[in-house]
N, C-alpha and C. Protein backbone atom coordinates (compact mmCIF):
# COMPACT_ATOMS: atom_id res chain seq x y z
N MET A 1 5.40 8.66 -14.65
CA MET A 1 6.57 8.95 -13.71
C MET A 1 7.17 7.23 -13.69
N GLU A 2 8.49 7.19 -13.60
CA GLU A 2 9.29 6.16 -13.36
C GLU A 2 9.23 4.20 -11.91
N LEU A 3 8.61 4.03 -12.50
CA LEU A 3 8.52 2.63 -11.12
C LEU A 3 9.68 3.01 -10.14
N GLN A 4 9.23 2.64 -8.85
CA GLN A 4 10.05 3.09 -7.93
C GLN A 4 10.91 1.35 -7.47
N GLU A 5 11.95 1.28 -7.20
CA GLU A 5 12.01 -0.02 -6.61
C GLU A 5 11.92 -0.46 -5.65
N LEU A 6 11.26 -1.60 -5.40
CA LEU A 6 10.39 -2.02 -4.03
C LEU A 6 11.75 -2.24 -3.04
N SER A 7 12.30 -2.95 -3.47
CA SER A 7 13.35 -2.76 -2.53
C SER A 7 14.52 -1.69 -2.06
N GLU A 8 14.06 -0.73 -2.60
CA GLU A 8 14.73 0.39 -1.70
C GLU A 8 14.19 1.21 -1.06
N LEU A 9 12.34 0.36 -0.49
CA LEU A 9 11.75 1.74 0.03
C LEU A 9 11.64 0.62 1.95
N THR A 10 11.69 1.59 3.05
CA THR A 10 11.74 1.07 3.80
C THR A 10 10.32 1.28 4.56
N VAL A 11 10.49 1.70 6.06
CA VAL A 11 9.24 1.76 6.52
C VAL A 11 9.27 2.96 6.37
N ASN A 12 10.13 3.31 7.15
CA ASN A 12 10.46 5.08 7.40
C ASN A 12 9.93 5.95 6.39
N ASP A 13 9.65 5.74 4.93
CA ASP A 13 9.28 6.22 3.61
C ASP A 13 7.57 6.22 3.81
N PHE A 14 7.30 5.68 4.66
CA PHE A 14 6.10 6.16 5.11
C PHE A 14 5.38 6.54 6.22
N THR A 15 6.14 6.03 7.53
CA THR A 15 5.62 6.92 8.57
C THR A 15 5.28 7.89 8.69
N GLU A 16 6.25 9.44 7.78
CA GLU A 16 5.09 10.65 7.89
C GLU A 16 3.73 10.96 7.47
N HIS A 17 3.86 9.78 6.43
CA HIS A 17 2.30 9.80 5.32
C HIS A 17 1.63 8.39 6.22
N LEU A 18 1.63 9.07 7.73
CA LEU A 18 0.08 7.92 8.27
C LEU A 18 -0.93 8.50 8.42
N ASN A 19 -2.45 8.22 8.23
CA ASN A 19 -2.70 8.28 8.04
C ASN A 19 -3.32 9.98 6.59
N ARG A 20 -2.91 9.98 5.95
CA ARG A 20 -2.62 10.75 4.64
C ARG A 20 -3.36 9.92 3.30
N ARG A 21 -3.77 10.39 2.23
CA ARG A 21 -3.91 10.02 0.94
C ARG A 21 -2.86 9.12 0.50
N PHE A 22 -2.87 7.94 -0.40
CA PHE A 22 -2.24 8.03 -2.05
C PHE A 22 -3.11 7.51 -2.92
N ASP A 23 -2.99 7.74 -3.74
CA ASP A 23 -3.44 6.93 -5.04
C ASP A 23 -3.14 5.58 -5.72
N ILE A 24 -4.52 4.76 -5.65
CA ILE A 24 -3.78 3.37 -6.30
C ILE A 24 -4.61 3.21 -7.27
N LYS A 25 -3.89 2.48 -8.03
CA LYS A 25 -4.04 2.68 -9.90
C LYS A 25 -4.66 0.66 -9.30
N PHE A 26 -5.82 0.58 -9.51
CA PHE A 26 -6.61 -0.71 -9.57
C PHE A 26 -6.73 -1.31 -11.10
N GLU A 27 -6.90 -0.87 -11.75
CA GLU A 27 -7.10 -0.96 -13.02
C GLU A 27 -6.68 0.07 -14.33
N ASP A 28 -6.74 -0.20 -15.44
CA ASP A 28 -6.00 0.95 -16.18
C ASP A 28 -6.65 1.88 -16.78
N HIS A 29 -8.33 1.86 -16.09
CA HIS A 29 -8.98 3.27 -15.92
C HIS A 29 -9.35 3.57 -14.78
N VAL A 30 -8.73 3.21 -13.89
CA VAL A 30 -9.37 3.06 -12.22
C VAL A 30 -8.07 3.09 -11.45
N THR A 31 -8.85 4.52 -10.41
CA THR A 31 -7.77 5.04 -9.67
C THR A 31 -8.39 5.02 -8.48
N LEU A 32 -8.34 4.88 -7.26
CA LEU A 32 -9.23 5.25 -6.70
C LEU A 32 -8.44 6.11 -4.82
N SER A 33 -8.64 6.66 -4.27
CA SER A 33 -8.08 7.38 -3.60
C SER A 33 -7.75 6.25 -2.26
N ALA A 34 -6.92 6.65 -1.20
CA ALA A 34 -6.70 5.48 -0.33
C ALA A 34 -6.31 5.71 0.66
N GLU A 35 -6.34 5.98 2.33
CA GLU A 35 -6.16 6.41 3.27
C GLU A 35 -4.34 5.68 3.26
N LEU A 36 -3.79 5.92 4.29
CA LEU A 36 -3.09 5.02 4.66
C LEU A 36 -3.25 4.21 5.98
N ILE A 37 -4.28 3.96 6.55
CA ILE A 37 -4.24 3.92 8.36
C ILE A 37 -3.78 2.44 8.71
N GLU A 38 -2.50 1.62 8.89
CA GLU A 38 -1.46 0.82 9.24
C GLU A 38 -0.01 1.14 8.76
N ILE A 39 0.78 1.34 9.92
CA ILE A 39 2.53 0.61 9.21
C ILE A 39 2.39 -0.03 10.19
N GLN A 40 3.60 -1.07 10.19
CA GLN A 40 3.93 -1.98 11.50
C GLN A 40 5.38 -2.69 10.38
N GLU A 41 6.16 -2.76 11.66
CA GLU A 41 7.42 -3.22 11.64
C GLU A 41 7.09 -4.59 11.82
N LEU A 42 7.40 -5.50 10.60
CA LEU A 42 8.05 -7.10 11.12
C LEU A 42 9.02 -7.88 11.90
N SER A 43 9.08 -8.80 12.47
CA SER A 43 10.47 -9.16 13.11
C SER A 43 10.13 -10.58 11.59
N GLY A 44 11.65 -10.58 11.50
CA GLY A 44 11.07 -12.30 10.68
C GLY A 44 12.69 -11.86 9.76
N TYR A 45 12.91 -13.03 8.68
CA TYR A 45 14.01 -12.66 7.64
C TYR A 45 13.71 -11.78 6.68
N SER A 46 14.76 -11.18 6.32
CA SER A 46 14.82 -10.68 4.82
C SER A 46 16.39 -10.83 4.38
N PRO A 47 16.30 -10.55 3.05
CA PRO A 47 17.06 -11.01 2.47
C PRO A 47 17.87 -9.50 2.19
N LEU A 48 16.71 -8.76 2.80
CA LEU A 48 17.71 -7.22 2.14
C LEU A 48 18.03 -6.58 3.14
N GLU A 49 18.61 -5.42 3.33
CA GLU A 49 18.99 -4.80 4.60
C GLU A 49 17.76 -3.86 5.38
N ARG A 50 17.07 -3.74 4.77
CA ARG A 50 15.61 -2.93 5.22
C ARG A 50 14.79 -4.52 6.41
N LYS A 51 14.62 -3.95 7.19
CA LYS A 51 13.17 -5.13 8.06
C LYS A 51 11.86 -5.00 7.71
N PRO A 52 11.40 -6.47 7.09
CA PRO A 52 9.99 -6.06 6.65
C PRO A 52 9.35 -5.69 7.34
N PHE A 53 8.13 -5.09 7.02
CA PHE A 53 7.41 -4.04 7.28
C PHE A 53 5.23 -4.67 5.83
N LEU A 54 4.61 -4.12 7.51
CA LEU A 54 3.46 -3.68 6.31
C LEU A 54 2.41 -2.47 6.17
N LEU A 55 1.68 -2.70 5.32
CA LEU A 55 0.72 -0.87 5.36
C LEU A 55 -0.17 -1.94 5.32
N VAL A 56 -0.76 -1.01 5.76
CA VAL A 56 -2.89 -1.01 5.71
C VAL A 56 -3.39 0.14 4.94
N PHE A 57 -3.89 0.21 3.51
CA PHE A 57 -4.67 1.26 2.94
C PHE A 57 -5.80 1.06 3.24
N ARG A 58 -6.87 1.93 2.84
CA ARG A 58 -8.21 1.88 2.79
C ARG A 58 -9.27 2.90 1.83
N THR A 59 -9.73 2.57 0.96
CA THR A 59 -10.95 2.65 -0.03
C THR A 59 -11.80 3.65 0.88
N GLU A 60 -12.39 4.21 -0.35
CA GLU A 60 -14.21 4.10 0.76
C GLU A 60 -15.46 3.58 -0.21
N GLN A 61 -14.90 2.39 -1.36
CA GLN A 61 -15.60 1.14 -1.53
C GLN A 61 -16.33 0.63 -0.33
N LYS A 62 -17.62 0.99 -0.86
CA LYS A 62 -18.39 0.40 0.13
C LYS A 62 -19.26 -1.27 0.00
N ASN A 63 -19.07 -1.72 -1.19
CA ASN A 63 -19.63 -3.22 -1.31
C ASN A 63 -18.75 -4.15 -2.64
N GLU A 64 -17.97 -3.42 -2.85
CA GLU A 64 -17.15 -4.21 -3.96
C GLU A 64 -15.61 -4.19 -3.87
N TYR A 65 -14.92 -4.79 -4.34
CA TYR A 65 -13.11 -4.51 -3.39
C TYR A 65 -12.84 -5.42 -4.86
N TYR A 66 -11.59 -5.23 -5.15
CA TYR A 66 -10.58 -6.14 -5.99
C TYR A 66 -10.18 -7.36 -5.62
N PRO A 67 -10.06 -8.36 -5.94
CA PRO A 67 -9.02 -9.50 -5.56
C PRO A 67 -7.94 -9.70 -5.72
N GLN A 68 -6.71 -9.90 -4.40
CA GLN A 68 -5.38 -9.65 -4.38
C GLN A 68 -4.92 -9.48 -5.66
N ALA A 69 -3.50 -8.80 -6.36
CA ALA A 69 -3.00 -8.83 -7.25
C ALA A 69 -2.03 -7.49 -6.77
N THR A 70 -1.32 -7.06 -7.96
CA THR A 70 -0.10 -5.96 -7.98
C THR A 70 -0.90 -5.12 -8.29
N PHE A 71 -0.57 -3.50 -7.74
CA PHE A 71 -1.67 -2.46 -8.12
C PHE A 71 -0.55 -1.30 -8.18
N ILE A 72 -0.82 -0.43 -8.48
CA ILE A 72 0.35 0.55 -8.80
C ILE A 72 -0.12 1.39 -7.85
N VAL A 73 0.61 2.07 -6.77
CA VAL A 73 0.39 2.60 -5.82
C VAL A 73 1.20 3.88 -5.77
N PHE A 74 0.66 5.01 -6.08
CA PHE A 74 1.74 6.79 -5.66
C PHE A 74 1.85 6.80 -4.67
N HIS A 75 3.31 7.55 -4.41
CA HIS A 75 3.82 7.87 -3.28
C HIS A 75 4.47 9.09 -3.72
N PRO A 76 3.71 10.44 -2.77
CA PRO A 76 4.30 11.80 -3.18
C PRO A 76 5.87 12.45 -3.20
N GLN A 77 6.44 11.29 -2.33
CA GLN A 77 7.74 11.67 -2.85
C GLN A 77 8.91 10.60 -3.33
N LYS A 78 8.48 8.91 -3.25
CA LYS A 78 8.60 7.92 -3.77
C LYS A 78 8.67 8.24 -5.53
N GLY A 79 7.20 8.06 -5.57
CA GLY A 79 7.02 7.79 -7.02
C GLY A 79 6.06 6.94 -7.03
N ASP A 80 6.09 6.12 -7.78
CA ASP A 80 5.15 5.29 -8.33
C ASP A 80 5.27 3.77 -8.38
N PHE A 81 5.17 2.80 -7.30
CA PHE A 81 5.55 1.40 -7.24
C PHE A 81 4.44 0.09 -7.55
N PRO A 82 5.03 -0.64 -7.99
CA PRO A 82 3.69 -1.90 -7.76
C PRO A 82 3.58 -2.38 -6.87
N VAL A 83 2.61 -2.78 -5.85
CA VAL A 83 2.23 -3.74 -5.13
C VAL A 83 1.94 -4.82 -4.63
N PHE A 84 1.88 -5.68 -5.13
CA PHE A 84 1.28 -6.94 -4.63
C PHE A 84 0.13 -6.31 -3.18
N MET A 85 -1.21 -6.67 -3.43
CA MET A 85 -2.06 -6.20 -2.17
C MET A 85 -3.28 -7.42 -2.02
N THR A 86 -3.28 -7.20 -0.35
CA THR A 86 -4.90 -8.34 -0.57
C THR A 86 -5.79 -7.63 0.38
N PRO A 87 -6.73 -7.71 -0.43
CA PRO A 87 -8.36 -7.27 1.05
C PRO A 87 -8.17 -8.05 1.75
N LYS A 88 -8.39 -6.91 3.10
CA LYS A 88 -8.46 -7.55 4.02
C LYS A 88 -9.69 -7.44 4.77
N GLY A 89 -10.80 -6.96 4.47
CA GLY A 89 -11.90 -6.82 4.52
C GLY A 89 -12.53 -5.36 4.76
N PHE A 90 -13.69 -5.07 4.74
CA PHE A 90 -15.05 -3.66 5.10
C PHE A 90 -14.62 -3.03 6.58
N ASP A 91 -14.82 -2.02 6.85
CA ASP A 91 -14.84 -1.47 7.88
C ASP A 91 -16.04 -0.62 7.93
N SER A 92 -16.48 0.47 9.05
CA SER A 92 -17.45 1.32 8.59
C SER A 92 -17.19 2.49 7.30
N VAL A 93 -15.51 2.49 6.61
CA VAL A 93 -15.55 3.93 6.45
C VAL A 93 -15.67 3.06 4.52
N GLY A 94 -14.98 1.86 4.60
CA GLY A 94 -14.77 1.07 3.06
C GLY A 94 -13.63 -0.14 2.87
N MET A 95 -12.71 -0.78 2.53
CA MET A 95 -12.13 -1.16 2.08
C MET A 95 -11.24 -0.97 2.08
N LYS A 96 -10.65 -2.50 3.10
CA LYS A 96 -8.81 -2.46 3.78
C LYS A 96 -8.18 -3.28 2.72
N TYR A 97 -6.95 -3.21 2.44
CA TYR A 97 -5.90 -3.95 1.93
C TYR A 97 -4.23 -3.44 2.07
N GLU A 98 -4.11 -4.71 2.47
CA GLU A 98 -3.30 -4.92 3.05
C GLU A 98 -1.61 -4.94 1.66
N ALA A 99 -0.46 -5.00 2.67
CA ALA A 99 0.23 -4.95 1.63
C ALA A 99 1.51 -5.22 2.09
N ILE A 100 2.51 -6.18 2.05
CA ILE A 100 3.55 -6.63 2.86
C ILE A 100 4.82 -6.15 2.06
N PHE A 101 5.28 -5.88 2.48
CA PHE A 101 7.21 -5.62 2.35
C PHE A 101 8.29 -6.53 3.03
N SER A 102 8.42 -7.84 2.34
CA SER A 102 9.72 -8.87 3.06
C SER A 102 10.95 -8.90 2.63
């Protein structure tokens, strides 16, 4: 599938997918399922027509995690898109990763 242009994504592209699963390709041969657990519209300037927003995904990783980097997220309607994500820490379910769209 062709990569989606990030500048075309808005917070509305994700609201109906809150608490649903996405696949995230962390390495060439490692794709993990991740639940979208948080969506937040941000205040501040963006050169794009959309407002900035953040997403928090959670994998079921218990002891290991991937350092901040760009990973490929597979969206059910929008297709695949590269996203820079930062690990935010473990909770009782797994590792949380944050992606900010500015």
